[in-house]
Amino acid sequence: MGDSAGGGLLLALVLKMKKEGIALPSQLIMLSPWLDISMTNLDMLPVEKYDPALTIEGPSIAGLFYANGSDTKNWLVGPLYGNLRDLPTMSLFSGTHEIMNADHRKFKSLCESKDVLLNYFEYLQMMHVWPIFGIPESEKAIRQIAELIASNGQKI
């Protein structure tokens, strides 16, 4: 499980484990994951004014530093571009008022097109990593996460 950059790192790690033949976890749970450090999805632009936590510029600069000269669309730093086949069940929590929601929706579409199992939870008007804030929507998400863990990632 991981949130924000940690969610992207989680997916990149599991992709690397798969490539190297290392046993994979039974499921992945990602809260507002940063899946594409290139920050080039134009669908982020209209959402930016609603996200009180992030702007596009900050993560764009941080992404270049993190990539350290690598292509920002390399799956090791931008796991959105990885081979999603044969991964454990994944669950993704996203808010419609976070800039990364555009990439979360793109990820959902990629998973659907490749028949990759993804439990996708999108909450209206929630910002980046909203499940950690102790608001009613967070409490609902935490209950859903507990159900996912108990069900070993099966659709709830």
N, C-alpha and C. Protein backbone atom coordinates (compact mmCIF):
# COMPACT_ATOMS: atom_id res chain seq x y z
N MET A 1 0.85 -1.17 0.00
CA MET A 1 0.00 0.00 0.00
C MET A 1 0.89 1.23 0.00
N GLY A 2 0.46 2.27 -0.74
CA GLY A 2 1.22 3.51 -0.75
C GLY A 2 0.35 4.66 -1.20
N ASP A 3 0.74 5.86 -0.77
CA ASP A 3 0.01 7.05 -1.20
C ASP A 3 0.94 8.02 -1.92
N SER A 4 0.37 8.76 -2.86
CA SER A 4 1.06 9.79 -3.63
C SER A 4 2.31 9.19 -4.30
N ALA A 5 3.48 9.78 -4.05
CA ALA A 5 4.70 9.23 -4.65
C ALA A 5 4.92 7.79 -4.20
N GLY A 6 4.52 7.48 -2.96
CA GLY A 6 4.65 6.11 -2.46
C GLY A 6 3.80 5.13 -3.23
N GLY A 7 2.65 5.57 -3.73
CA GLY A 7 1.81 4.72 -4.56
C GLY A 7 2.47 4.41 -5.90
N GLY A 8 3.11 5.42 -6.48
CA GLY A 8 3.85 5.19 -7.72
C GLY A 8 5.05 4.29 -7.49
N LEU A 9 5.76 4.51 -6.39
CA LEU A 9 6.91 3.66 -6.06
C LEU A 9 6.46 2.21 -5.85
N LEU A 10 5.32 2.03 -5.21
CA LEU A 10 4.78 0.69 -4.98
C LEU A 10 4.57 -0.03 -6.32
N LEU A 11 3.91 0.65 -7.26
CA LEU A 11 3.64 0.02 -8.55
C LEU A 11 4.93 -0.24 -9.31
N ALA A 12 5.87 0.70 -9.29
CA ALA A 12 7.16 0.51 -9.98
C ALA A 12 7.91 -0.68 -9.36
N LEU A 13 7.89 -0.79 -8.04
CA LEU A 13 8.56 -1.90 -7.36
C LEU A 13 7.96 -3.24 -7.78
N VAL A 14 6.64 -3.32 -7.80
CA VAL A 14 5.98 -4.58 -8.16
C VAL A 14 6.24 -4.90 -9.64
N LEU A 15 6.29 -3.90 -10.50
CA LEU A 15 6.64 -4.14 -11.91
C LEU A 15 8.06 -4.71 -12.02
N LYS A 16 8.98 -4.15 -11.23
CA LYS A 16 10.37 -4.64 -11.24
C LYS A 16 10.44 -6.06 -10.66
N MET A 17 9.70 -6.32 -9.60
CA MET A 17 9.68 -7.66 -9.02
C MET A 17 9.17 -8.67 -10.05
N LYS A 18 8.12 -8.29 -10.78
CA LYS A 18 7.57 -9.19 -11.80
C LYS A 18 8.62 -9.47 -12.87
N LYS A 19 9.30 -8.42 -13.31
CA LYS A 19 10.32 -8.58 -14.36
C LYS A 19 11.45 -9.49 -13.91
N GLU A 20 11.78 -9.43 -12.62
CA GLU A 20 12.90 -10.22 -12.09
C GLU A 20 12.46 -11.58 -11.55
N GLY A 21 11.19 -11.91 -11.67
CA GLY A 21 10.71 -13.21 -11.24
C GLY A 21 10.59 -13.37 -9.74
N ILE A 22 10.48 -12.28 -9.02
CA ILE A 22 10.34 -12.31 -7.56
C ILE A 22 8.85 -12.45 -7.23
N ALA A 23 8.53 -13.23 -6.21
CA ALA A 23 7.13 -13.43 -5.80
C ALA A 23 6.47 -12.08 -5.51
N LEU A 24 5.25 -11.94 -6.02
CA LEU A 24 4.52 -10.68 -5.90
C LEU A 24 3.57 -10.71 -4.71
N PRO A 25 3.24 -9.53 -4.18
CA PRO A 25 2.23 -9.48 -3.12
C PRO A 25 0.87 -9.88 -3.68
N SER A 26 -0.06 -10.17 -2.80
CA SER A 26 -1.38 -10.61 -3.26
C SER A 26 -2.21 -9.47 -3.82
N GLN A 27 -1.90 -8.23 -3.42
CA GLN A 27 -2.64 -7.08 -3.94
C GLN A 27 -1.86 -5.80 -3.70
N LEU A 28 -2.26 -4.76 -4.42
CA LEU A 28 -1.69 -3.42 -4.25
C LEU A 28 -2.85 -2.47 -3.98
N ILE A 29 -2.66 -1.59 -3.02
CA ILE A 29 -3.65 -0.56 -2.73
C ILE A 29 -2.94 0.78 -2.83
N MET A 30 -3.44 1.63 -3.74
CA MET A 30 -2.79 2.92 -4.00
C MET A 30 -3.77 4.06 -3.71
N LEU A 31 -3.32 5.02 -2.91
CA LEU A 31 -4.11 6.21 -2.60
C LEU A 31 -3.49 7.39 -3.35
N SER A 32 -4.22 7.94 -4.28
CA SER A 32 -3.74 9.10 -5.05
C SER A 32 -2.33 8.90 -5.59
N PRO A 33 -2.05 7.77 -6.25
CA PRO A 33 -0.68 7.49 -6.66
C PRO A 33 -0.18 8.44 -7.75
N TRP A 34 1.11 8.73 -7.70
CA TRP A 34 1.77 9.52 -8.74
C TRP A 34 2.30 8.52 -9.76
N LEU A 35 1.58 8.32 -10.82
CA LEU A 35 1.86 7.26 -11.79
C LEU A 35 2.66 7.72 -13.00
N ASP A 36 2.66 9.01 -13.26
CA ASP A 36 3.35 9.55 -14.44
C ASP A 36 4.06 10.83 -14.04
N ILE A 37 5.37 10.71 -13.77
CA ILE A 37 6.10 11.89 -13.29
C ILE A 37 6.32 12.93 -14.38
N SER A 38 5.97 12.62 -15.63
CA SER A 38 6.12 13.61 -16.69
C SER A 38 5.12 14.75 -16.54
N MET A 39 4.00 14.51 -15.87
CA MET A 39 2.97 15.53 -15.63
C MET A 39 2.52 16.20 -16.93
N THR A 40 2.38 15.42 -17.99
CA THR A 40 2.05 15.98 -19.30
C THR A 40 0.61 15.74 -19.73
N ASN A 41 -0.19 15.13 -18.89
CA ASN A 41 -1.58 14.86 -19.23
C ASN A 41 -2.37 16.18 -19.23
N LEU A 42 -2.82 16.61 -20.38
CA LEU A 42 -3.52 17.89 -20.50
C LEU A 42 -4.83 17.92 -19.72
N ASP A 43 -5.38 16.77 -19.39
CA ASP A 43 -6.62 16.73 -18.61
C ASP A 43 -6.41 17.20 -17.17
N MET A 44 -5.15 17.40 -16.77
CA MET A 44 -4.87 17.95 -15.44
C MET A 44 -5.19 19.44 -15.36
N LEU A 45 -5.06 20.13 -16.47
CA LEU A 45 -5.17 21.59 -16.47
C LEU A 45 -6.46 22.12 -15.86
N PRO A 46 -7.65 21.62 -16.27
CA PRO A 46 -8.87 22.18 -15.68
C PRO A 46 -9.08 21.82 -14.22
N VAL A 47 -8.38 20.80 -13.73
CA VAL A 47 -8.56 20.36 -12.34
C VAL A 47 -7.62 21.11 -11.40
N GLU A 48 -6.54 21.64 -11.93
CA GLU A 48 -5.51 22.26 -11.08
C GLU A 48 -6.08 23.32 -10.13
N LYS A 49 -7.04 24.10 -10.59
CA LYS A 49 -7.59 25.17 -9.75
C LYS A 49 -8.36 24.64 -8.54
N TYR A 50 -8.74 23.36 -8.57
CA TYR A 50 -9.51 22.78 -7.47
C TYR A 50 -8.64 22.04 -6.46
N ASP A 51 -7.40 21.72 -6.82
CA ASP A 51 -6.54 20.92 -5.95
C ASP A 51 -5.77 21.84 -5.00
N PRO A 52 -6.14 21.88 -3.72
CA PRO A 52 -5.44 22.76 -2.79
C PRO A 52 -4.08 22.20 -2.36
N ALA A 53 -3.78 20.96 -2.69
CA ALA A 53 -2.54 20.33 -2.24
C ALA A 53 -1.41 20.44 -3.26
N LEU A 54 -1.73 20.37 -4.55
CA LEU A 54 -0.68 20.30 -5.58
C LEU A 54 -0.99 21.22 -6.75
N THR A 55 0.09 21.68 -7.36
CA THR A 55 0.00 22.32 -8.67
C THR A 55 0.71 21.41 -9.65
N ILE A 56 0.57 21.66 -10.91
CA ILE A 56 1.28 20.85 -11.91
C ILE A 56 2.77 21.16 -11.88
N GLU A 57 3.12 22.41 -11.66
CA GLU A 57 4.53 22.82 -11.72
C GLU A 57 5.41 22.11 -10.69
N GLY A 58 4.95 22.04 -9.44
CA GLY A 58 5.78 21.43 -8.38
C GLY A 58 6.17 19.99 -8.68
N PRO A 59 5.20 19.11 -8.93
CA PRO A 59 5.56 17.73 -9.26
C PRO A 59 6.35 17.61 -10.58
N SER A 60 6.11 18.53 -11.53
CA SER A 60 6.89 18.48 -12.78
C SER A 60 8.37 18.65 -12.50
N ILE A 61 8.69 19.62 -11.65
CA ILE A 61 10.09 19.87 -11.29
C ILE A 61 10.64 18.70 -10.47
N ALA A 62 9.87 18.25 -9.49
CA ALA A 62 10.30 17.13 -8.65
C ALA A 62 10.51 15.87 -9.50
N GLY A 63 9.63 15.66 -10.48
CA GLY A 63 9.75 14.49 -11.35
C GLY A 63 11.04 14.48 -12.14
N LEU A 64 11.45 15.64 -12.62
CA LEU A 64 12.72 15.72 -13.36
C LEU A 64 13.90 15.39 -12.45
N PHE A 65 13.86 15.89 -11.21
CA PHE A 65 14.92 15.55 -10.26
C PHE A 65 14.92 14.06 -9.96
N TYR A 66 13.74 13.50 -9.75
CA TYR A 66 13.63 12.08 -9.44
C TYR A 66 14.12 11.22 -10.61
N ALA A 67 13.76 11.61 -11.82
CA ALA A 67 14.19 10.84 -13.01
C ALA A 67 15.70 10.90 -13.18
N ASN A 68 16.34 11.96 -12.71
CA ASN A 68 17.79 12.08 -12.72
C ASN A 68 18.39 11.79 -14.10
N GLY A 69 17.78 12.37 -15.12
CA GLY A 69 18.28 12.20 -16.48
C GLY A 69 17.63 11.08 -17.26
N SER A 70 16.90 10.20 -16.58
CA SER A 70 16.18 9.13 -17.28
C SER A 70 14.97 9.73 -17.98
N ASP A 71 14.46 9.01 -18.95
CA ASP A 71 13.23 9.40 -19.62
C ASP A 71 12.11 9.35 -18.58
N THR A 72 11.34 10.42 -18.46
CA THR A 72 10.27 10.47 -17.46
C THR A 72 9.15 9.49 -17.77
N LYS A 73 9.16 8.92 -18.98
CA LYS A 73 8.15 7.93 -19.33
C LYS A 73 8.71 6.50 -19.24
N ASN A 74 9.87 6.36 -18.61
CA ASN A 74 10.42 5.05 -18.29
C ASN A 74 9.57 4.46 -17.16
N TRP A 75 9.14 3.22 -17.32
CA TRP A 75 8.23 2.62 -16.35
C TRP A 75 8.81 2.53 -14.94
N LEU A 76 10.13 2.58 -14.80
CA LEU A 76 10.72 2.52 -13.46
C LEU A 76 10.48 3.81 -12.67
N VAL A 77 10.30 4.93 -13.39
CA VAL A 77 10.01 6.19 -12.70
C VAL A 77 8.58 6.68 -12.97
N GLY A 78 7.99 6.19 -14.03
CA GLY A 78 6.60 6.50 -14.38
C GLY A 78 5.85 5.22 -14.65
N PRO A 79 5.42 4.51 -13.59
CA PRO A 79 4.89 3.16 -13.77
C PRO A 79 3.61 3.08 -14.62
N LEU A 80 3.01 4.21 -14.94
CA LEU A 80 1.88 4.21 -15.86
C LEU A 80 2.27 3.58 -17.19
N TYR A 81 3.56 3.64 -17.53
CA TYR A 81 4.05 3.14 -18.81
C TYR A 81 4.58 1.71 -18.74
N GLY A 82 4.37 1.05 -17.62
CA GLY A 82 4.85 -0.32 -17.46
C GLY A 82 3.89 -1.34 -18.04
N ASN A 83 4.36 -2.58 -18.10
CA ASN A 83 3.54 -3.71 -18.56
C ASN A 83 2.65 -4.15 -17.41
N LEU A 84 1.37 -3.85 -17.51
CA LEU A 84 0.44 -4.09 -16.41
C LEU A 84 -0.11 -5.51 -16.37
N ARG A 85 0.21 -6.30 -17.35
CA ARG A 85 -0.29 -7.68 -17.37
C ARG A 85 0.35 -8.51 -16.26
N ASP A 86 -0.45 -9.46 -15.76
CA ASP A 86 0.03 -10.43 -14.77
C ASP A 86 0.44 -9.79 -13.45
N LEU A 87 -0.22 -8.71 -13.09
CA LEU A 87 0.03 -8.10 -11.78
C LEU A 87 -1.04 -8.58 -10.80
N PRO A 88 -0.77 -8.46 -9.51
CA PRO A 88 -1.79 -8.79 -8.53
C PRO A 88 -2.98 -7.83 -8.67
N THR A 89 -4.06 -8.14 -8.01
CA THR A 89 -5.21 -7.24 -7.98
C THR A 89 -4.76 -5.88 -7.46
N MET A 90 -5.19 -4.85 -8.14
CA MET A 90 -4.84 -3.49 -7.73
C MET A 90 -6.11 -2.74 -7.36
N SER A 91 -5.98 -1.84 -6.39
CA SER A 91 -7.06 -0.94 -6.01
C SER A 91 -6.49 0.46 -5.98
N LEU A 92 -7.25 1.41 -6.54
CA LEU A 92 -6.79 2.78 -6.63
C LEU A 92 -7.90 3.71 -6.12
N PHE A 93 -7.53 4.60 -5.21
CA PHE A 93 -8.44 5.60 -4.67
C PHE A 93 -8.03 6.96 -5.21
N SER A 94 -8.98 7.69 -5.80
CA SER A 94 -8.70 8.97 -6.43
C SER A 94 -9.81 9.96 -6.10
N GLY A 95 -9.48 11.24 -6.12
CA GLY A 95 -10.47 12.29 -5.94
C GLY A 95 -10.58 13.14 -7.19
N THR A 96 -11.76 13.60 -7.49
CA THR A 96 -11.96 14.38 -8.72
C THR A 96 -11.34 15.78 -8.64
N HIS A 97 -10.94 16.23 -7.44
CA HIS A 97 -10.31 17.53 -7.30
C HIS A 97 -8.81 17.41 -7.05
N GLU A 98 -8.21 16.37 -7.56
CA GLU A 98 -6.75 16.27 -7.49
C GLU A 98 -6.21 16.19 -8.91
N ILE A 99 -5.10 16.88 -9.15
CA ILE A 99 -4.58 16.93 -10.52
C ILE A 99 -4.23 15.56 -11.06
N MET A 100 -3.84 14.65 -10.20
CA MET A 100 -3.43 13.32 -10.67
C MET A 100 -4.61 12.44 -11.05
N ASN A 101 -5.83 12.91 -10.80
CA ASN A 101 -7.01 12.15 -11.19
C ASN A 101 -7.02 11.86 -12.69
N ALA A 102 -6.51 12.77 -13.49
CA ALA A 102 -6.45 12.55 -14.94
C ALA A 102 -5.62 11.31 -15.27
N ASP A 103 -4.49 11.15 -14.58
CA ASP A 103 -3.66 9.95 -14.80
C ASP A 103 -4.29 8.72 -14.19
N HIS A 104 -5.03 8.88 -13.11
CA HIS A 104 -5.73 7.74 -12.51
C HIS A 104 -6.78 7.21 -13.48
N ARG A 105 -7.49 8.12 -14.12
CA ARG A 105 -8.49 7.69 -15.11
C ARG A 105 -7.82 7.04 -16.32
N LYS A 106 -6.67 7.57 -16.72
CA LYS A 106 -5.91 6.97 -17.82
C LYS A 106 -5.47 5.55 -17.44
N PHE A 107 -5.00 5.39 -16.21
CA PHE A 107 -4.59 4.09 -15.71
C PHE A 107 -5.77 3.12 -15.72
N LYS A 108 -6.92 3.60 -15.27
CA LYS A 108 -8.13 2.77 -15.26
C LYS A 108 -8.46 2.30 -16.68
N SER A 109 -8.39 3.20 -17.64
CA SER A 109 -8.66 2.83 -19.04
C SER A 109 -7.64 1.83 -19.57
N LEU A 110 -6.37 2.03 -19.22
CA LEU A 110 -5.34 1.07 -19.64
C LEU A 110 -5.62 -0.31 -19.06
N CYS A 111 -5.96 -0.35 -17.79
CA CYS A 111 -6.27 -1.64 -17.15
C CYS A 111 -7.46 -2.30 -17.83
N GLU A 112 -8.50 -1.54 -18.10
CA GLU A 112 -9.68 -2.11 -18.77
C GLU A 112 -9.32 -2.63 -20.15
N SER A 113 -8.50 -1.92 -20.89
CA SER A 113 -8.15 -2.34 -22.25
C SER A 113 -7.28 -3.59 -22.27
N LYS A 114 -6.60 -3.87 -21.17
CA LYS A 114 -5.71 -5.03 -21.08
C LYS A 114 -6.27 -6.13 -20.19
N ASP A 115 -7.53 -5.99 -19.78
CA ASP A 115 -8.17 -6.95 -18.88
C ASP A 115 -7.39 -7.15 -17.59
N VAL A 116 -6.86 -6.06 -17.05
CA VAL A 116 -6.13 -6.09 -15.78
C VAL A 116 -7.12 -5.71 -14.68
N LEU A 117 -7.16 -6.52 -13.62
CA LEU A 117 -8.12 -6.29 -12.54
C LEU A 117 -7.74 -5.07 -11.72
N LEU A 118 -8.63 -4.09 -11.70
CA LEU A 118 -8.43 -2.87 -10.92
C LEU A 118 -9.74 -2.52 -10.23
N ASN A 119 -9.69 -2.40 -8.91
CA ASN A 119 -10.80 -1.83 -8.16
C ASN A 119 -10.54 -0.33 -8.14
N TYR A 120 -11.44 0.43 -8.75
CA TYR A 120 -11.23 1.87 -8.88
C TYR A 120 -12.28 2.61 -8.06
N PHE A 121 -11.82 3.45 -7.15
CA PHE A 121 -12.69 4.22 -6.27
C PHE A 121 -12.43 5.70 -6.52
N GLU A 122 -13.40 6.38 -7.08
CA GLU A 122 -13.26 7.81 -7.35
C GLU A 122 -14.29 8.57 -6.52
N TYR A 123 -13.79 9.48 -5.72
CA TYR A 123 -14.64 10.27 -4.84
C TYR A 123 -14.77 11.69 -5.38
N LEU A 124 -16.00 12.17 -5.43
CA LEU A 124 -16.27 13.51 -5.94
C LEU A 124 -15.69 14.58 -5.02
N GLN A 125 -15.09 15.58 -5.62
CA GLN A 125 -14.59 16.78 -4.96
C GLN A 125 -13.55 16.52 -3.88
N MET A 126 -12.87 15.39 -3.95
CA MET A 126 -11.80 15.11 -2.99
C MET A 126 -10.45 15.47 -3.60
N MET A 127 -9.55 15.97 -2.75
CA MET A 127 -8.23 16.39 -3.20
C MET A 127 -7.21 15.28 -3.00
N HIS A 128 -5.97 15.60 -3.33
CA HIS A 128 -4.86 14.66 -3.27
C HIS A 128 -4.74 14.07 -1.86
N VAL A 129 -4.59 12.78 -1.78
CA VAL A 129 -4.46 11.96 -0.55
C VAL A 129 -5.52 12.25 0.51
N TRP A 130 -6.71 12.56 0.07
CA TRP A 130 -7.83 12.86 0.97
C TRP A 130 -8.15 11.75 1.97
N PRO A 131 -7.84 10.47 1.71
CA PRO A 131 -8.20 9.46 2.71
C PRO A 131 -7.49 9.63 4.06
N ILE A 132 -6.44 10.44 4.13
CA ILE A 132 -5.71 10.58 5.39
C ILE A 132 -6.23 11.72 6.29
N PHE A 133 -7.26 12.45 5.84
CA PHE A 133 -7.64 13.67 6.53
C PHE A 133 -8.70 13.54 7.62
N GLY A 134 -9.23 12.37 7.87
CA GLY A 134 -10.19 12.20 8.95
C GLY A 134 -11.54 12.85 8.70
N ILE A 135 -11.92 12.97 7.45
CA ILE A 135 -13.24 13.50 7.09
C ILE A 135 -14.15 12.31 6.78
N PRO A 136 -15.46 12.52 6.67
CA PRO A 136 -16.35 11.38 6.43
C PRO A 136 -15.95 10.54 5.21
N GLU A 137 -15.51 11.18 4.15
CA GLU A 137 -15.09 10.42 2.97
C GLU A 137 -13.85 9.57 3.25
N SER A 138 -12.96 10.07 4.11
CA SER A 138 -11.78 9.28 4.49
C SER A 138 -12.19 8.05 5.27
N GLU A 139 -13.14 8.24 6.18
CA GLU A 139 -13.61 7.12 6.98
C GLU A 139 -14.23 6.04 6.09
N LYS A 140 -14.98 6.46 5.08
CA LYS A 140 -15.55 5.49 4.14
C LYS A 140 -14.44 4.77 3.38
N ALA A 141 -13.44 5.53 2.91
CA ALA A 141 -12.33 4.91 2.17
C ALA A 141 -11.56 3.93 3.06
N ILE A 142 -11.35 4.28 4.31
CA ILE A 142 -10.64 3.38 5.23
C ILE A 142 -11.42 2.09 5.42
N ARG A 143 -12.74 2.19 5.52
CA ARG A 143 -13.56 0.97 5.61
C ARG A 143 -13.41 0.14 4.34
N GLN A 144 -13.40 0.79 3.18
CA GLN A 144 -13.22 0.06 1.92
C GLN A 144 -11.84 -0.60 1.86
N ILE A 145 -10.82 0.09 2.33
CA ILE A 145 -9.47 -0.48 2.35
C ILE A 145 -9.44 -1.70 3.26
N ALA A 146 -10.06 -1.61 4.43
CA ALA A 146 -10.12 -2.75 5.35
C ALA A 146 -10.84 -3.93 4.68
N GLU A 147 -11.92 -3.66 3.95
CA GLU A 147 -12.63 -4.72 3.24
C GLU A 147 -11.76 -5.34 2.16
N LEU A 148 -10.99 -4.51 1.45
CA LEU A 148 -10.08 -5.03 0.43
C LEU A 148 -9.04 -5.95 1.04
N ILE A 149 -8.48 -5.52 2.16
CA ILE A 149 -7.47 -6.34 2.83
C ILE A 149 -8.09 -7.67 3.29
N ALA A 150 -9.27 -7.59 3.87
CA ALA A 150 -9.95 -8.80 4.36
C ALA A 150 -10.33 -9.74 3.23
N SER A 151 -10.67 -9.17 2.08
CA SER A 151 -11.11 -10.00 0.94
C SER A 151 -9.96 -10.36 0.01
N ASN A 152 -8.73 -9.98 0.39
CA ASN A 152 -7.54 -10.23 -0.42
C ASN A 152 -7.67 -9.61 -1.81
N GLY A 153 -8.29 -8.43 -1.86
CA GLY A 153 -8.35 -7.67 -3.10
C GLY A 153 -9.50 -7.98 -4.01
N GLN A 154 -10.35 -8.91 -3.59
CA GLN A 154 -11.51 -9.23 -4.43
C GLN A 154 -12.43 -8.04 -4.52
N LYS A 155 -13.11 -7.90 -5.64
CA LYS A 155 -14.02 -6.77 -5.87
C LYS A 155 -15.03 -6.66 -4.73
N ILE A 156 -15.18 -5.45 -4.19
CA ILE A 156 -16.13 -5.24 -3.09
C ILE A 156 -17.29 -4.36 -3.56
